[in-house]
Amino acid sequence: LDTIPCLLSPWSEWSDCSVTCGKGMRTRQRMLKSAAELGDCNEELEQAEKCMLPECPIDCELTEWSQWSECNTSCGKGHMIRTRMIKTEPQFGGTACPETVQRTKCRVRKCLRGPGMEKRRWKEAR
């Protein structure tokens, strides 16, 4: 008994990649044209392959803010700072990193200025 060769439609176009960036898959199909009762047809009707689009953007990631530092003066006006670290540098057009250091004013008790203070300081400086 002669087996009738499979009658297949041409392959479809490849589908779009399954992702919008990075690594994904794409597929294409074809149809069986001959009726199944005309014999077995073992041809594959679907194919898949990997596809690669430009890398996905990676946004900057930061740690939490540290505690505020001590005021940098023991009396009068000064400032304190707090910092945070960059966990992930931005790549492929991801969002840039915001500031990693903040300063704020602080004020400790008023400096006591006694009458003899200035002279004594001047002597020490010499």
Protein backbone atom coordinates (compact mmCIF):
# COMPACT_ATOMS: atom_id res chain seq x y z
CA LEU A 1 0.00 0.00 0.00
CA ASP A 2 1.42 3.34 -1.00
CA THR A 3 1.59 5.93 1.73
CA ILE A 4 0.60 9.32 0.52
CA PRO A 5 3.15 11.96 1.46
CA CYS A 6 2.05 14.52 3.99
CA LEU A 7 0.60 17.64 2.50
CA LEU A 8 1.71 20.55 4.64
CA SER A 9 1.12 24.23 4.44
CA PRO A 10 4.21 26.44 4.39
CA TRP A 11 5.58 27.55 7.76
CA SER A 12 3.98 30.66 9.20
CA GLU A 13 6.12 33.67 9.97
CA TRP A 14 7.96 33.47 13.29
CA SER A 15 5.90 34.93 16.12
CA ASP A 16 7.15 37.96 18.00
CA CYS A 17 9.60 37.20 20.78
CA SER A 18 7.72 36.25 23.98
CA VAL A 19 9.39 39.06 25.93
CA THR A 20 9.86 42.79 25.28
CA CYS A 21 13.48 42.72 26.46
CA GLY A 22 16.06 40.09 27.32
CA LYS A 23 15.78 36.37 26.49
CA GLY A 24 12.57 34.79 25.23
CA MET A 25 11.12 32.25 22.82
CA ARG A 26 9.36 32.50 19.48
CA THR A 27 7.36 29.92 17.55
CA ARG A 28 6.03 29.15 14.09
CA GLN A 29 3.42 26.69 12.89
CA ARG A 30 2.27 24.89 9.78
CA MET A 31 -0.93 23.02 9.05
CA LEU A 32 -1.57 19.52 7.83
CA LYS A 33 -3.42 19.85 4.53
CA SER A 34 -4.04 16.19 3.73
CA ALA A 35 -6.78 14.39 5.64
CA ALA A 36 -5.46 12.34 8.52
CA GLU A 37 -7.08 9.14 7.26
CA LEU A 38 -4.70 9.08 4.30
CA GLY A 39 -1.94 7.72 6.51
CA ASP A 40 0.31 8.77 9.32
CA CYS A 41 2.04 12.08 9.18
CA ASN A 42 4.91 12.50 11.59
CA GLU A 43 6.12 15.90 10.45
CA GLU A 44 6.41 18.50 13.16
CA LEU A 45 3.72 21.16 13.02
CA GLU A 46 5.31 23.61 15.44
CA GLN A 47 8.84 24.85 15.99
CA ALA A 48 10.22 27.01 18.78
CA GLU A 49 13.52 28.80 19.11
CA LYS A 50 15.20 31.20 21.50
CA CYS A 51 15.19 34.90 20.73
CA MET A 52 17.17 37.70 22.35
CA LEU A 53 16.10 41.32 22.54
CA PRO A 54 18.17 44.20 23.96
CA GLU A 55 18.88 43.81 27.66
CA CYS A 56 16.13 44.92 30.04
CA PRO A 57 16.87 48.19 31.83
CA ILE A 58 18.09 47.73 35.41
CA ASP A 59 17.11 50.54 37.78
CA CYS A 60 19.35 51.90 40.50
CA GLU A 61 18.72 50.25 43.88
CA LEU A 62 19.76 51.79 47.18
CA THR A 63 20.01 50.62 50.78
CA GLU A 64 17.94 52.30 53.49
CA TRP A 65 19.22 55.58 54.92
CA SER A 66 21.63 55.27 57.85
CA GLN A 67 20.81 56.94 61.16
CA TRP A 68 21.65 60.64 61.32
CA SER A 69 25.21 61.25 62.55
CA GLU A 70 25.94 63.16 65.73
CA CYS A 71 25.95 66.92 65.37
CA ASN A 72 29.48 67.91 64.26
CA THR A 73 29.81 70.62 66.92
CA SER A 74 29.62 70.33 70.67
CA CYS A 75 27.85 73.67 71.02
CA GLY A 76 26.16 76.16 68.70
CA LYS A 77 25.09 75.51 65.12
CA GLY A 78 26.37 72.56 63.14
CA HIS A 79 25.20 69.89 60.76
CA MET A 80 24.64 66.15 60.73
CA ILE A 81 24.64 63.80 57.77
CA ARG A 82 23.15 60.48 56.85
CA THR A 83 24.14 58.22 53.98
CA ARG A 84 22.93 55.27 51.96
CA MET A 85 24.77 52.87 49.68
CA ILE A 86 24.15 51.89 46.07
CA LYS A 87 23.09 48.23 45.94
CA THR A 88 22.62 48.02 42.16
CA GLU A 89 24.14 50.39 39.61
CA PRO A 90 21.72 51.32 36.82
CA GLN A 91 22.33 49.60 33.48
CA PHE A 92 20.88 49.61 29.97
CA GLY A 93 19.01 52.88 30.48
CA GLY A 94 17.59 52.13 33.94
CA THR A 95 16.73 54.99 36.31
CA ALA A 96 19.72 56.88 37.67
CA CYS A 97 20.68 56.86 41.35
CA PRO A 98 19.35 59.72 43.51
CA GLU A 99 21.47 61.38 46.20
CA THR A 100 23.32 59.14 48.63
CA VAL A 101 24.19 61.82 51.24
CA GLN A 102 21.87 64.24 53.01
CA ARG A 103 22.82 67.08 55.37
CA THR A 104 20.63 68.83 57.89
CA LYS A 105 21.26 71.61 60.39
CA CYS A 106 21.48 70.89 64.07
CA ARG A 107 21.90 73.09 67.07
CA VAL A 108 23.42 72.02 70.34
CA ARG A 109 23.22 74.12 73.51
CA LYS A 110 24.46 77.71 73.16
CA CYS A 111 28.21 78.11 73.31
CA LEU A 112 29.22 79.75 76.61
CA ARG A 113 31.42 82.70 75.94
CA GLY A 114 33.04 83.75 79.21
CA PRO A 115 34.98 87.01 79.34
CA GLY A 116 38.35 85.24 79.65
CA MET A 117 37.69 82.68 76.86
CA GLU A 118 38.86 84.72 73.87
CA LYS A 119 42.25 85.71 75.39
CA ARG A 120 43.06 82.18 76.47
CA ARG A 121 42.27 80.77 72.99
CA TRP A 122 44.48 83.45 71.41
CA LYS A 123 47.41 82.51 73.63
CA GLU A 124 47.06 78.77 72.77
CA ALA A 125 47.03 79.50 69.05
CA ARG A 126 50.43 81.22 69.17
